[in-house]
C-alpha atoms as a PDB file:
ATOM      1  CA  MET A   1     104.584 119.036 168.208  1.00  0.00           C
ATOM      2  CA  THR A   2     104.042 117.885 164.455  1.00  0.00           C
ATOM      3  CA  VAL A   3     104.649 119.495 161.446  1.00  0.00           C
ATOM      4  CA  MET A   4     102.706 118.625 158.076  1.00  0.00           C
ATOM      5  CA  TRP A   5     103.939 119.518 154.868  1.00  0.00           C
ATOM      6  CA  ASP A   6     101.907 119.169 152.064  1.00  0.00           C
ATOM      7  CA  TYR A   7     103.890 118.026 149.020  1.00  0.00           C
ATOM      8  CA  ASN A   8     101.219 118.359 146.276  1.00  0.00           C
ATOM      9  CA  PHE A   9     102.083 120.718 144.205  1.00  0.00           C
ATOM     10  CA  GLU A  10     101.666 121.820 140.283  1.00  0.00           C
ATOM     11  CA  VAL A  11     104.324 124.059 138.431  1.00  0.00           C
ATOM     12  CA  GLU A  12     103.555 125.087 134.698  1.00  0.00           C
ATOM     13  CA  LYS A  13     105.842 126.727 132.477  1.00  0.00           C
ATOM     14  CA  GLU A  14     106.158 127.500 128.477  1.00  0.00           C
ATOM     15  CA  ILE A  15     108.733 127.266 126.569  1.00  0.00           C
ATOM     16  CA  ASP A  16     109.932 128.498 122.719  1.00  0.00           C
ATOM     17  CA  VAL A  17     111.830 126.412 120.366  1.00  0.00           C
ATOM     18  CA  LYS A  18     113.074 127.882 118.000  1.00  0.00           C
ATOM     19  CA  VAL A  19     114.541 125.778 115.566  1.00  0.00           C
ATOM     20  CA  ASP A  20     116.553 127.360 111.621  1.00  0.00           C
ATOM     21  CA  TYR A  21     117.948 124.354 109.573  1.00  0.00           C
ATOM     22  CA  GLU A  22     118.987 124.792 105.565  1.00  0.00           C
ATOM     23  CA  VAL A  23     119.593 121.318 103.726  1.00  0.00           C
ATOM     24  CA  ASP A  24     121.228 122.011 100.100  1.00  0.00           C
ATOM     25  CA  LEU A  25     121.207 118.389  97.981  1.00  0.00           C
ATOM     26  CA  GLU A  26     122.143 118.325  95.350  1.00  0.00           C
ATOM     27  CA  ILE A  27     122.534 114.838  92.941  1.00  0.00           C
ATOM     28  CA  SER A  28     123.360 113.832  89.521  1.00  0.00           C
ATOM     29  CA  THR A  29     123.034 110.874  88.237  1.00  0.00           C
ATOM     30  CA  ASP A  30     124.924 108.691  85.485  1.00  0.00           C
ATOM     31  CA  PRO A  31     123.369 105.694  84.362  1.00  0.00           C
ATOM     32  CA  LYS A  32     125.330 103.226  83.180  1.00  0.00           C
ATOM     33  CA  LEU A  33     124.509  99.914  82.114  1.00  0.00           C
ATOM     34  CA  ASP A  34     126.476  97.405  80.951  1.00  0.00           C
ATOM     35  CA  SER A  35     124.874  93.439  79.371  1.00  0.00           C
ATOM     36  CA  TRP A  36     126.777  91.012  78.783  1.00  0.00           C
ATOM     37  CA  VAL A  37     125.720  87.344  77.955  1.00  0.00           C
ATOM     38  CA  ASP A  38     128.167  84.053  77.633  1.00  0.00           C
ATOM     39  CA  VAL A  39     126.387  81.089  76.820  1.00  0.00           C
ATOM     40  CA  ASP A  40     127.151  77.479  77.487  1.00  0.00           C
ATOM     41  CA  HIS A  41     125.768  75.137  75.718  1.00  0.00           C
ATOM     42  CA  TYR A  42     126.520  72.227  77.318  1.00  0.00           C
ATOM     43  CA  TYR A  43     123.088  69.670  78.062  1.00  0.00           C
ATOM     44  CA  ASP A  44     123.689  67.615  81.190  1.00  0.00           C
ATOM     45  CA  VAL A  45     119.980  65.760  80.497  1.00  0.00           C
ATOM     46  CA  ASP A  46     119.608  62.026  79.406  1.00  0.00           C
ATOM     47  CA  VAL A  47     118.629  61.884  76.414  1.00  0.00           C
ATOM     48  CA  ASP A  48     121.368  62.524  73.030  1.00  0.00           C
ATOM     49  CA  ILE A  49     120.578  66.006  70.795  1.00  0.00           C
ATOM     50  CA  LYS A  50     121.170  65.117  67.584  1.00  0.00           C
ATOM     51  CA  GLY A  51     120.808  68.842  66.372  1.00  0.00           C
ATOM     52  CA  ASN A  52     118.005  71.033  66.168  1.00  0.00           C
ATOM     53  CA  ASP A  53     118.598  72.561  69.345  1.00  0.00           C
ATOM     54  CA  ALA A  54     116.979  76.351  69.938  1.00  0.00           C
ATOM     55  CA  THR A  55     118.517  79.196  72.084  1.00  0.00           C
ATOM     56  CA  TRP A  56     117.710  82.391  72.652  1.00  0.00           C
ATOM     57  CA  ASN A  57     119.171  86.311  74.910  1.00  0.00           C
ATOM     58  CA  ILE A  58     116.669  88.478  75.889  1.00  0.00           C
ATOM     59  CA  ASP A  59     117.871  91.669  76.738  1.00  0.00           C
ATOM     60  CA  ILE A  60     115.631  94.535  76.563  1.00  0.00           C
ATOM     61  CA  GLU A  61     115.944  98.275  78.368  1.00  0.00           C
ATOM     62  CA  ALA A  62     114.827 100.792  79.142  1.00  0.00           C
ATOM     63  CA  LEU A  63     115.891 104.409  80.385  1.00  0.00           C
ATOM     64  CA  GLY A  64     113.105 106.358  82.399  1.00  0.00           C
ATOM     65  CA  ASP A  65     111.138 107.904  84.755  1.00  0.00           C
ATOM     66  CA  ASN A  66     108.262 105.772  85.984  1.00  0.00           C
ATOM     67  CA  THR A  67     109.854 102.021  85.273  1.00  0.00           C
ATOM     68  CA  SER A  68     107.601  99.263  84.306  1.00  0.00           C
ATOM     69  CA  VAL A  69     108.420  95.744  83.364  1.00  0.00           C
ATOM     70  CA  GLN A  70     106.940  92.327  82.817  1.00  0.00           C
ATOM     71  CA  LEU A  71     108.183  89.179  82.496  1.00  0.00           C
ATOM     72  CA  ASN A  72     106.143  85.951  81.664  1.00  0.00           C
ATOM     73  CA  LEU A  73     107.244  82.546  80.946  1.00  0.00           C
ATOM     74  CA  PHE A  74     105.490  79.372  80.180  1.00  0.00           C
ATOM     75  CA  VAL A  75     107.810  76.160  79.147  1.00  0.00           C
ATOM     76  CA  LEU A  76     106.736  72.975  78.129  1.00  0.00           C
ATOM     77  CA  VAL A  77     108.154  69.481  77.855  1.00  0.00           C
ATOM     78  CA  THR A  78     106.683  66.450  76.423  1.00  0.00           C
ATOM     79  CA  ASP A  79     108.898  63.208  75.197  1.00  0.00           C
ATOM     80  CA  TYR A  80     108.535  64.941  71.914  1.00  0.00           C
ATOM     81  CA  MET A  81     108.330  68.272  71.647  1.00  0.00           C
ATOM     82  CA  SER A  82     110.504  71.036  74.447  1.00  0.00           C
ATOM     83  CA  SER A  83     108.872  74.196  74.166  1.00  0.00           C
ATOM     84  CA  ILE A  84     109.372  77.427  75.960  1.00  0.00           C
ATOM     85  CA  ILE A  85     107.661  81.169  75.415  1.00  0.00           C
ATOM     86  CA  THR A  86     108.547  84.549  76.555  1.00  0.00           C
ATOM     87  CA  THR A  87     106.543  87.435  77.105  1.00  0.00           C
ATOM     88  CA  GLY A  88     106.595  90.682  78.339  1.00  0.00           C
ATOM     89  CA  TYR A  89     108.117  94.589  78.130  1.00  0.00           C
ATOM     90  CA  ALA A  90     110.590  96.913  79.154  1.00  0.00           C
ATOM     91  CA  ALA A  91     108.386 100.801  79.355  1.00  0.00           C
ATOM     92  CA  VAL A  92     109.215 104.099  80.511  1.00  0.00           C
ATOM     93  CA  ASP A  93     107.079 106.914  81.364  1.00  0.00           C
END
């Protein structure tokens, strides 16, 4: 006697999933910006600098939302001249 089983069957099932969630979010910001520059005038170059020295410091700050910053730098050094040109901005909305 031979018994044959039919293993082909389908099952349909509906599942309801309910998720309840609650989020309490509190963000506090207190920006603190410090800027400190210590300029060291030590030059380790192959030329003897006798006066005519120019240095500068740049510190630009803008506080607020949607900030934007840009700095452009151009340096030119020849036998008779050294030049640095900077432009830039710091802005907020």
